[in-house]
Amino acid sequence: MSHEIENDDQMVSTKGIVPWHKLGIVVPDEYLTATRAMELALPWTAEFQPIMFNGQEVPATIGKMVVRSDTQRVLGIVKNRYNIIQPQDSFNFLDGLIESHELKIETAGSLRHGSRIFIVAELPGTSKLPGMNTSSIFSLVTPTMAALTFIA
């Protein structure tokens, strides 16, 4: 799909509306922790499997596949030194900010069959540009291959 939301992607929203093309669930707890949001949105784990080509296992020196535990869909191919951080554990560092009410999760979930995971969090305060309405401030947090990306 052009919006990169697939049938096996799931979203969690705390805003009282079903998110993303009705592929999500509403959670009433507005101060939901990042860990719990990911557990609800992504009820699967990532696992290693050997790389297969034409029905044959590729030598382990090449690398390995990371697959979803529920669908066996390949999320990526990685080198042998790669360590999996489970989606449910990827945002633990945000929990302290959420518990102290410095962040509030609005939406969490996945795109591209789970190969991209994210949290959108609302920050305290508002912003107003000249001639514009006052608006809330949000941050998108998403793990990438290199590091965590923050977009405010």
C-alpha atoms as a PDB file:
ATOM      1  CA  MET A   1       0.000   0.000   0.000  1.00  0.00           C
ATOM      2  CA  SER A   2       1.252   3.483  -0.783  1.00  0.00           C
ATOM      3  CA  HIS A   3       0.928   4.640   2.828  1.00  0.00           C
ATOM      4  CA  GLU A   4       3.104   1.670   3.925  1.00  0.00           C
ATOM      5  CA  ILE A   5       0.457   0.423   6.363  1.00  0.00           C
ATOM      6  CA  GLU A   6      -0.081  -3.278   5.714  1.00  0.00           C
ATOM      7  CA  ASN A   7      -2.734  -5.669   7.017  1.00  0.00           C
ATOM      8  CA  ASP A   8      -0.326  -7.129   9.584  1.00  0.00           C
ATOM      9  CA  ASP A   9       0.662  -3.709  10.935  1.00  0.00           C
ATOM     10  CA  GLN A  10      -1.006  -2.531  14.123  1.00  0.00           C
ATOM     11  CA  MET A  11      -1.385   0.884  15.753  1.00  0.00           C
ATOM     12  CA  VAL A  12      -2.330   1.995  19.263  1.00  0.00           C
ATOM     13  CA  SER A  13      -3.923   5.376  19.940  1.00  0.00           C
ATOM     14  CA  THR A  14      -4.704   7.198  23.179  1.00  0.00           C
ATOM     15  CA  LYS A  15      -6.797   9.905  21.508  1.00  0.00           C
ATOM     16  CA  GLY A  16     -10.149   8.074  21.481  1.00  0.00           C
ATOM     17  CA  ILE A  17     -10.201   7.351  17.738  1.00  0.00           C
ATOM     18  CA  VAL A  18      -9.104   4.205  15.900  1.00  0.00           C
ATOM     19  CA  PRO A  19      -5.858   5.155  14.126  1.00  0.00           C
ATOM     20  CA  TRP A  20      -4.555   4.581  10.631  1.00  0.00           C
ATOM     21  CA  HIS A  21      -7.244   3.273   8.338  1.00  0.00           C
ATOM     22  CA  LYS A  22      -8.981   1.319  11.127  1.00  0.00           C
ATOM     23  CA  LEU A  23      -5.908  -0.922  11.627  1.00  0.00           C
ATOM     24  CA  GLY A  24      -5.486   0.031  15.235  1.00  0.00           C
ATOM     25  CA  ILE A  25      -6.898  -0.052  18.715  1.00  0.00           C
ATOM     26  CA  VAL A  26      -7.822   2.685  21.175  1.00  0.00           C
ATOM     27  CA  VAL A  27      -6.275   2.570  24.631  1.00  0.00           C
ATOM     28  CA  PRO A  28      -7.924   4.787  27.274  1.00  0.00           C
ATOM     29  CA  ASP A  29      -4.770   5.344  29.384  1.00  0.00           C
ATOM     30  CA  GLU A  30      -3.382   8.666  28.212  1.00  0.00           C
ATOM     31  CA  TYR A  31      -0.132   8.127  30.115  1.00  0.00           C
ATOM     32  CA  LEU A  32       0.472   4.694  28.650  1.00  0.00           C
ATOM     33  CA  THR A  33       4.148   3.714  28.935  1.00  0.00           C
ATOM     34  CA  ALA A  34       6.170   3.210  25.774  1.00  0.00           C
ATOM     35  CA  THR A  35       6.862  -0.393  26.757  1.00  0.00           C
ATOM     36  CA  ARG A  36       3.154  -1.186  27.175  1.00  0.00           C
ATOM     37  CA  ALA A  37       2.211   0.630  23.948  1.00  0.00           C
ATOM     38  CA  MET A  38       4.659  -1.512  21.991  1.00  0.00           C
ATOM     39  CA  GLU A  39       3.415  -4.701  23.684  1.00  0.00           C
ATOM     40  CA  LEU A  40      -0.133  -3.842  22.577  1.00  0.00           C
ATOM     41  CA  ALA A  41       0.775  -2.676  19.077  1.00  0.00           C
ATOM     42  CA  LEU A  42       3.327  -5.395  18.309  1.00  0.00           C
ATOM     43  CA  PRO A  43       2.357  -8.716  19.910  1.00  0.00           C
ATOM     44  CA  TRP A  44       5.222 -10.547  18.213  1.00  0.00           C
ATOM     45  CA  THR A  45       8.970 -10.902  18.617  1.00  0.00           C
ATOM     46  CA  ALA A  46      11.842 -10.728  16.154  1.00  0.00           C
ATOM     47  CA  GLU A  47      13.859 -13.908  15.656  1.00  0.00           C
ATOM     48  CA  PHE A  48      16.935 -15.022  13.744  1.00  0.00           C
ATOM     49  CA  GLN A  49      16.689 -17.584  10.961  1.00  0.00           C
ATOM     50  CA  PRO A  50      19.298 -18.741   8.460  1.00  0.00           C
ATOM     51  CA  ILE A  51      19.293 -17.087   5.054  1.00  0.00           C
ATOM     52  CA  MET A  52      17.702 -19.325   2.422  1.00  0.00           C
ATOM     53  CA  PHE A  53      18.279 -19.080  -1.340  1.00  0.00           C
ATOM     54  CA  ASN A  54      16.526 -21.402  -3.812  1.00  0.00           C
ATOM     55  CA  GLY A  55      15.613 -23.702  -0.921  1.00  0.00           C
ATOM     56  CA  GLN A  56      19.213 -23.984   0.256  1.00  0.00           C
ATOM     57  CA  GLU A  57      20.653 -22.543   3.441  1.00  0.00           C
ATOM     58  CA  VAL A  58      23.305 -19.895   2.756  1.00  0.00           C
ATOM     59  CA  PRO A  59      26.530 -20.256   4.801  1.00  0.00           C
ATOM     60  CA  ALA A  60      26.189 -18.541   8.184  1.00  0.00           C
ATOM     61  CA  THR A  61      29.272 -16.416   7.456  1.00  0.00           C
ATOM     62  CA  ILE A  62      27.118 -14.310   5.108  1.00  0.00           C
ATOM     63  CA  GLY A  63      24.682 -13.290   7.851  1.00  0.00           C
ATOM     64  CA  LYS A  64      21.179 -14.160   8.978  1.00  0.00           C
ATOM     65  CA  MET A  65      17.577 -13.085   8.529  1.00  0.00           C
ATOM     66  CA  VAL A  66      15.489 -11.300  11.132  1.00  0.00           C
ATOM     67  CA  VAL A  67      11.861 -12.502  10.909  1.00  0.00           C
ATOM     68  CA  ARG A  68       8.583 -11.847  12.712  1.00  0.00           C
ATOM     69  CA  SER A  69       7.624 -14.694  15.037  1.00  0.00           C
ATOM     70  CA  ASP A  70       3.942 -14.609  14.045  1.00  0.00           C
ATOM     71  CA  THR A  71       4.102 -14.380  10.232  1.00  0.00           C
ATOM     72  CA  GLN A  72       7.694 -15.472   9.525  1.00  0.00           C
ATOM     73  CA  ARG A  73       7.949 -12.376   7.296  1.00  0.00           C
ATOM     74  CA  VAL A  74      11.548 -11.277   6.747  1.00  0.00           C
ATOM     75  CA  LEU A  75      12.204  -7.899   8.364  1.00  0.00           C
ATOM     76  CA  GLY A  76      15.820  -7.682   7.229  1.00  0.00           C
ATOM     77  CA  ILE A  77      19.115  -9.437   6.667  1.00  0.00           C
ATOM     78  CA  VAL A  78      21.904  -8.654   9.111  1.00  0.00           C
ATOM     79  CA  LYS A  79      25.509  -9.556   9.832  1.00  0.00           C
ATOM     80  CA  ASN A  80      26.251 -12.220  12.420  1.00  0.00           C
ATOM     81  CA  ARG A  81      27.347  -9.676  15.032  1.00  0.00           C
ATOM     82  CA  TYR A  82      23.886  -8.030  15.012  1.00  0.00           C
ATOM     83  CA  ASN A  83      21.866  -8.330  18.241  1.00  0.00           C
ATOM     84  CA  ILE A  84      18.097  -8.077  18.172  1.00  0.00           C
ATOM     85  CA  ILE A  85      16.413  -5.504  20.371  1.00  0.00           C
ATOM     86  CA  GLN A  86      12.791  -6.572  20.549  1.00  0.00           C
ATOM     87  CA  PRO A  87      10.255  -3.966  19.389  1.00  0.00           C
ATOM     88  CA  GLN A  88       8.696  -4.025  22.856  1.00  0.00           C
ATOM     89  CA  ASP A  89      12.062  -3.009  24.365  1.00  0.00           C
ATOM     90  CA  SER A  90      13.076  -0.397  21.774  1.00  0.00           C
ATOM     91  CA  PHE A  91      11.516   2.561  23.566  1.00  0.00           C
ATOM     92  CA  ASN A  92      12.095   1.713  27.259  1.00  0.00           C
ATOM     93  CA  PHE A  93      14.157   4.876  27.662  1.00  0.00           C
ATOM     94  CA  LEU A  94      10.979   6.946  27.162  1.00  0.00           C
ATOM     95  CA  ASP A  95       9.108   5.388  30.096  1.00  0.00           C
ATOM     96  CA  GLY A  96      10.661   7.688  32.706  1.00  0.00           C
ATOM     97  CA  LEU A  97       9.651  10.763  30.690  1.00  0.00           C
ATOM     98  CA  ILE A  98       6.118   9.421  30.325  1.00  0.00           C
ATOM     99  CA  GLU A  99       5.793   8.543  34.011  1.00  0.00           C
ATOM    100  CA  SER A 100       6.936  12.066  34.964  1.00  0.00           C
ATOM    101  CA  HIS A 101       4.387  13.525  32.476  1.00  0.00           C
ATOM    102  CA  GLU A 102       7.075  15.075  30.271  1.00  0.00           C
ATOM    103  CA  LEU A 103       5.785  13.055  27.284  1.00  0.00           C
ATOM    104  CA  LYS A 104       2.420  11.568  26.430  1.00  0.00           C
ATOM    105  CA  ILE A 105       2.090   8.849  23.809  1.00  0.00           C
ATOM    106  CA  GLU A 106      -0.437   9.639  21.130  1.00  0.00           C
ATOM    107  CA  THR A 107       0.189   6.789  18.683  1.00  0.00           C
ATOM    108  CA  ALA A 108       2.527   3.806  18.494  1.00  0.00           C
ATOM    109  CA  GLY A 109       2.824   1.031  15.958  1.00  0.00           C
ATOM    110  CA  SER A 110       4.467  -0.333  12.854  1.00  0.00           C
ATOM    111  CA  LEU A 111       4.675   0.141   9.101  1.00  0.00           C
ATOM    112  CA  ARG A 112       5.951  -2.090   6.278  1.00  0.00           C
ATOM    113  CA  HIS A 113       4.847  -5.347   7.921  1.00  0.00           C
ATOM    114  CA  GLY A 114       6.667  -4.434  11.146  1.00  0.00           C
ATOM    115  CA  SER A 115      10.009  -3.522   9.627  1.00  0.00           C
ATOM    116  CA  ARG A 116       9.497   0.088  10.777  1.00  0.00           C
ATOM    117  CA  ILE A 117       8.249   0.825  14.295  1.00  0.00           C
ATOM    118  CA  PHE A 118       7.464   4.206  15.820  1.00  0.00           C
ATOM    119  CA  ILE A 119       6.003   6.239  18.655  1.00  0.00           C
ATOM    120  CA  VAL A 120       4.451   9.688  18.270  1.00  0.00           C
ATOM    121  CA  ALA A 121       4.534  11.516  21.594  1.00  0.00           C
ATOM    122  CA  GLU A 122       3.050  14.838  22.628  1.00  0.00           C
ATOM    123  CA  LEU A 123       5.370  17.193  24.478  1.00  0.00           C
ATOM    124  CA  PRO A 124       4.183  19.635  27.144  1.00  0.00           C
ATOM    125  CA  GLY A 125       3.305  23.128  26.020  1.00  0.00           C
ATOM    126  CA  THR A 126       2.201  24.592  22.731  1.00  0.00           C
ATOM    127  CA  SER A 127       3.703  26.471  19.829  1.00  0.00           C
ATOM    128  CA  LYS A 128       2.403  29.382  17.816  1.00  0.00           C
ATOM    129  CA  LEU A 129       3.868  30.725  14.633  1.00  0.00           C
ATOM    130  CA  PRO A 130       2.988  34.301  13.604  1.00  0.00           C
ATOM    131  CA  GLY A 131      -0.414  34.342  11.912  1.00  0.00           C
ATOM    132  CA  MET A 132      -1.099  30.696  12.782  1.00  0.00           C
ATOM    133  CA  ASN A 133      -3.209  28.883  15.362  1.00  0.00           C
ATOM    134  CA  THR A 134      -1.678  27.576  18.565  1.00  0.00           C
ATOM    135  CA  SER A 135      -0.773  23.906  18.201  1.00  0.00           C
ATOM    136  CA  SER A 136       0.579  21.077  20.290  1.00  0.00           C
ATOM    137  CA  ILE A 137       4.180  19.926  19.922  1.00  0.00           C
ATOM    138  CA  PHE A 138       4.861  16.321  18.909  1.00  0.00           C
ATOM    139  CA  SER A 139       7.937  14.177  18.490  1.00  0.00           C
ATOM    140  CA  LEU A 140       8.325  11.105  16.284  1.00  0.00           C
ATOM    141  CA  VAL A 141      10.702   8.494  17.702  1.00  0.00           C
ATOM    142  CA  THR A 142      11.717   5.593  15.483  1.00  0.00           C
ATOM    143  CA  PRO A 143      14.681   3.213  15.547  1.00  0.00           C
ATOM    144  CA  THR A 144      16.738   3.139  12.366  1.00  0.00           C
ATOM    145  CA  MET A 145      19.704   1.027  11.316  1.00  0.00           C
ATOM    146  CA  ALA A 146      22.184   3.585  12.636  1.00  0.00           C
ATOM    147  CA  ALA A 147      20.550   4.938  15.790  1.00  0.00           C
ATOM    148  CA  LEU A 148      17.337   6.385  17.135  1.00  0.00           C
ATOM    149  CA  THR A 149      15.866   9.235  15.153  1.00  0.00           C
ATOM    150  CA  PHE A 150      14.049  12.119  16.820  1.00  0.00           C
ATOM    151  CA  ILE A 151      11.921  14.403  14.673  1.00  0.00           C
ATOM    152  CA  ALA A 152      10.279  17.288  16.473  1.00  0.00           C
END
